[in-house]
Amino acid sequence: MTVELVTGILTDVFFTTMIILLPILGASLIIGIIISIFQAATSIQEMTLTFVPKIVITSIVVILMMPFIAEKLISLTTRLFNQFSTVLK
């Protein structure tokens, strides 16, 4: 097992993780900014006003992105299993 092979595997895993997480984190960030602007405009400083919508939006995005996430994880797993023959030689 060479350093290049390990680096390639880790790079592939990290990029796949980022591709999966970016839409979820982006939706949470956007809703957080919108709620913060609303709180600043109305002077409402309720903690549940920020927490509950973020959880709801994040859950909705995860449910909607589930086929995309599954496809990415399956392709990553397939690539890793195909590289086992390279590692075992």
Protein backbone atom coordinates (compact mmCIF):
# COMPACT_ATOMS: atom_id res chain seq x y z
CA MET A 1 0.00 0.00 0.00
CA THR A 2 1.65 3.19 -1.17
CA VAL A 3 1.31 6.72 0.09
CA GLU A 4 -0.21 7.78 -3.24
CA LEU A 5 -2.93 5.13 -2.96
CA VAL A 6 -3.82 6.17 0.60
CA THR A 7 -3.81 9.83 -0.40
CA GLY A 8 -6.06 9.09 -3.37
CA ILE A 9 -8.52 7.12 -1.24
CA LEU A 10 -8.66 9.78 1.45
CA THR A 11 -9.08 12.54 -1.13
CA ASP A 12 -11.96 10.65 -2.73
CA VAL A 13 -13.62 10.10 0.66
CA PHE A 14 -13.24 13.74 1.73
CA PHE A 15 -14.57 15.10 -1.57
CA THR A 16 -17.54 12.73 -1.45
CA THR A 17 -18.26 13.80 2.12
CA MET A 18 -18.13 17.46 1.14
CA ILE A 19 -20.39 16.94 -1.86
CA ILE A 20 -22.92 15.19 0.37
CA LEU A 21 -22.80 17.75 3.18
CA LEU A 22 -22.70 21.03 1.23
CA PRO A 23 -26.43 21.16 0.30
CA ILE A 24 -27.46 20.30 3.86
CA LEU A 25 -25.14 22.85 5.46
CA GLY A 26 -25.99 25.45 2.82
CA ALA A 27 -29.72 25.18 3.51
CA SER A 28 -29.11 25.46 7.24
CA LEU A 29 -26.86 28.48 6.72
CA ILE A 30 -29.36 30.28 4.50
CA ILE A 31 -32.27 29.73 6.89
CA GLY A 32 -30.05 30.84 9.79
CA ILE A 33 -29.18 34.09 8.03
CA ILE A 34 -32.82 34.76 7.16
CA ILE A 35 -33.91 34.16 10.76
CA SER A 36 -31.08 36.34 12.10
CA ILE A 37 -32.15 39.20 9.84
CA PHE A 38 -35.75 38.72 10.98
CA GLN A 39 -34.66 38.75 14.64
CA ALA A 40 -32.57 41.87 14.16
CA ALA A 41 -35.44 43.65 12.42
CA THR A 42 -38.03 42.74 15.05
CA SER A 43 -35.82 42.64 18.17
CA ILE A 44 -37.10 39.16 19.02
CA GLN A 45 -34.33 37.20 20.73
CA GLU A 46 -35.98 33.83 21.22
CA MET A 47 -33.57 30.86 20.94
CA THR A 48 -36.20 28.40 19.74
CA LEU A 49 -36.94 30.72 16.83
CA THR A 50 -33.52 29.88 15.40
CA PHE A 51 -33.30 26.24 16.46
CA VAL A 52 -36.63 24.79 15.29
CA PRO A 53 -36.64 26.11 11.69
CA LYS A 54 -33.03 24.97 11.18
CA ILE A 55 -33.89 21.46 12.35
CA VAL A 56 -37.00 21.34 10.16
CA ILE A 57 -35.22 22.63 7.04
CA THR A 58 -32.24 20.35 7.61
CA SER A 59 -34.54 17.34 7.99
CA ILE A 60 -36.44 18.24 4.82
CA VAL A 61 -33.21 18.69 2.84
CA VAL A 62 -31.84 15.36 4.10
CA ILE A 63 -35.05 13.58 3.10
CA LEU A 64 -35.09 15.23 -0.34
CA MET A 65 -31.38 14.56 -0.92
CA MET A 66 -31.53 10.91 0.19
CA PRO A 67 -31.43 9.42 -3.36
CA PHE A 68 -28.45 11.65 -4.24
CA ILE A 69 -26.67 10.76 -0.99
CA ALA A 70 -27.29 7.04 -1.50
CA GLU A 71 -26.00 7.18 -5.08
CA LYS A 72 -22.82 8.99 -4.02
CA LEU A 73 -22.16 6.57 -1.14
CA ILE A 74 -22.82 3.52 -3.30
CA SER A 75 -20.44 4.76 -6.01
CA LEU A 76 -17.77 5.53 -3.38
CA THR A 77 -18.15 2.08 -1.86
CA THR A 78 -17.94 0.46 -5.28
CA ARG A 79 -14.76 2.37 -6.10
CA LEU A 80 -13.22 1.38 -2.77
CA PHE A 81 -14.10 -2.30 -3.22
CA ASN A 82 -12.65 -2.23 -6.73
CA GLN A 83 -9.40 -0.87 -5.30
CA PHE A 84 -9.10 -3.78 -2.87
CA SER A 85 -7.62 -5.92 -5.63
CA THR A 86 -4.94 -3.26 -6.14
CA VAL A 87 -4.14 -3.16 -2.43
CA LEU A 88 -3.99 -6.94 -2.01
CA LYS A 89 -1.47 -7.44 -4.83
